[in-house]
């Protein structure tokens, strides 16, 4: 499996985190596949501007969740329904207002990330 198709980043340089679910991947991985957890909402795949708008290079901490159903960390971080991958603890950057409004209309959780 190529690194672009895997949700696991190929290295530790130039990583970004999804502002909605906090999934950590490289810029190229987000551009190629979007966010495996949020693509139906954020529509990042193939869109350079959306990748830059919906992800942030500024985040704190990383946690690897591989067995989400049995992981107390996944439960504690409220990530039980997400794909096994690496996630940020905190992400700096706010989702655009139009995305926040869409999430609110869907009745979905809106993360309160640190502001830029």
Protein backbone atom coordinates (compact mmCIF):
# COMPACT_ATOMS: atom_id res chain seq x y z
CA UNK A 1 0.00 0.00 0.00
CA UNK A 2 1.45 3.35 -0.98
CA UNK A 3 1.82 6.04 1.66
CA UNK A 4 -0.76 8.17 -0.20
CA UNK A 5 -3.40 5.44 0.25
CA UNK A 6 -2.57 4.71 3.88
CA UNK A 7 -3.98 6.86 6.68
CA UNK A 8 -0.59 6.55 8.44
CA UNK A 9 1.85 9.38 7.56
CA UNK A 10 5.04 8.27 5.78
CA UNK A 11 7.22 10.39 8.10
CA UNK A 12 7.15 13.09 10.73
CA UNK A 13 7.84 16.10 8.49
CA UNK A 14 5.22 18.51 7.12
CA UNK A 15 2.25 16.86 8.79
CA UNK A 16 -1.22 18.39 8.97
CA UNK A 17 -4.27 17.62 11.08
CA UNK A 18 -7.90 17.68 10.00
CA UNK A 19 -9.65 20.51 11.85
CA UNK A 20 -12.79 18.40 12.28
CA UNK A 21 -11.64 14.92 13.39
CA UNK A 22 -7.94 15.69 14.09
CA UNK A 23 -6.63 12.91 11.80
CA UNK A 24 -2.91 13.48 11.10
CA UNK A 25 -1.53 12.87 7.62
CA UNK A 26 0.85 14.51 5.17
CA UNK A 27 -0.36 17.26 2.86
CA UNK A 28 -0.04 14.89 -0.12
CA UNK A 29 -2.15 12.23 1.63
CA UNK A 30 -4.93 14.75 2.32
CA UNK A 31 -4.74 16.01 -1.28
CA UNK A 32 -4.86 12.48 -2.71
CA UNK A 33 -7.56 10.94 -0.47
CA UNK A 34 -9.05 13.77 1.57
CA UNK A 35 -9.91 12.84 5.15
CA UNK A 36 -11.16 9.27 5.44
CA UNK A 37 -13.36 10.28 8.37
CA UNK A 38 -14.75 13.57 7.04
CA UNK A 39 -14.58 13.46 3.23
CA UNK A 40 -18.36 13.40 2.81
CA UNK A 41 -18.50 16.73 4.68
CA UNK A 42 -15.22 18.50 3.87
CA UNK A 43 -14.61 17.36 0.24
CA UNK A 44 -10.83 17.84 0.32
CA UNK A 45 -9.63 15.16 -2.12
CA UNK A 46 -7.97 16.78 -5.12
CA UNK A 47 -8.62 20.34 -3.91
CA UNK A 48 -5.47 22.17 -2.78
CA UNK A 49 -7.40 25.15 -1.39
CA UNK A 50 -9.71 22.95 0.70
CA UNK A 51 -6.80 20.91 2.08
CA UNK A 52 -5.17 24.13 3.29
CA UNK A 53 -8.48 25.45 4.65
CA UNK A 54 -9.70 22.26 6.39
CA UNK A 55 -6.37 21.11 7.85
CA UNK A 56 -3.73 22.77 9.98
CA UNK A 57 0.02 22.27 10.30
CA UNK A 58 -0.29 23.45 13.92
CA UNK A 59 -1.32 20.79 16.40
CA UNK A 60 -0.25 19.44 19.78
CA UNK A 61 0.41 15.85 20.67
CA UNK A 62 -0.23 12.66 18.75
CA UNK A 63 -2.01 9.48 19.69
CA UNK A 64 -2.15 6.29 17.67
CA UNK A 65 -5.49 4.49 17.74
CA UNK A 66 -5.38 1.06 16.11
CA UNK A 67 -8.14 -0.89 17.91
CA UNK A 68 -10.76 1.79 18.33
CA UNK A 69 -13.46 -0.45 19.81
CA UNK A 70 -11.29 -1.67 22.71
CA UNK A 71 -9.10 1.38 23.27
CA UNK A 72 -9.71 3.44 26.39
CA UNK A 73 -7.79 6.27 24.67
CA UNK A 74 -10.23 6.20 21.73
CA UNK A 75 -13.11 6.30 24.18
CA UNK A 76 -11.56 9.11 26.24
CA UNK A 77 -10.86 11.18 23.10
CA UNK A 78 -14.30 10.35 21.67
CA UNK A 79 -12.78 8.73 18.58
CA UNK A 80 -14.46 5.31 18.69
CA UNK A 81 -16.22 5.71 15.33
CA UNK A 82 -13.16 6.89 13.40
CA UNK A 83 -10.67 4.91 11.32
CA UNK A 84 -7.58 3.41 12.99
CA UNK A 85 -4.88 6.05 12.49
CA UNK A 86 -2.86 8.79 14.20
CA UNK A 87 -4.74 11.74 15.71
CA UNK A 88 -3.78 15.09 17.20
CA UNK A 89 -4.73 15.90 20.78
CA UNK A 90 -5.38 19.58 19.93
CA UNK A 91 -5.50 21.39 16.58
CA UNK A 92 -4.97 25.11 16.06
CA UNK A 93 -7.29 26.67 13.51
CA UNK A 94 -11.00 27.20 13.08
CA UNK A 95 -13.16 25.54 10.46
CA UNK A 96 -14.68 28.03 7.99
CA UNK A 97 -18.07 29.44 8.97
CA UNK A 98 -19.87 27.72 6.09
CA UNK A 99 -18.62 24.32 7.31
CA UNK A 100 -19.57 25.12 10.91
CA UNK A 101 -23.08 26.10 9.74
CA UNK A 102 -23.37 22.84 7.77
CA UNK A 103 -22.30 20.82 10.82
CA UNK A 104 -24.83 22.66 12.97
CA UNK A 105 -27.62 21.93 10.48
CA UNK A 106 -26.64 18.24 10.51
CA UNK A 107 -26.70 18.26 14.31
CA UNK A 108 -23.03 17.31 14.43
CA UNK A 109 -20.35 18.20 16.95
CA UNK A 110 -18.40 21.37 16.13
CA UNK A 111 -14.88 21.25 17.59
CA UNK A 112 -13.65 24.35 19.38
CA UNK A 113 -10.06 24.30 18.15
CA UNK A 114 -7.59 26.92 19.20
CA UNK A 115 -7.85 30.04 17.04
CA UNK A 116 -5.07 31.03 14.65
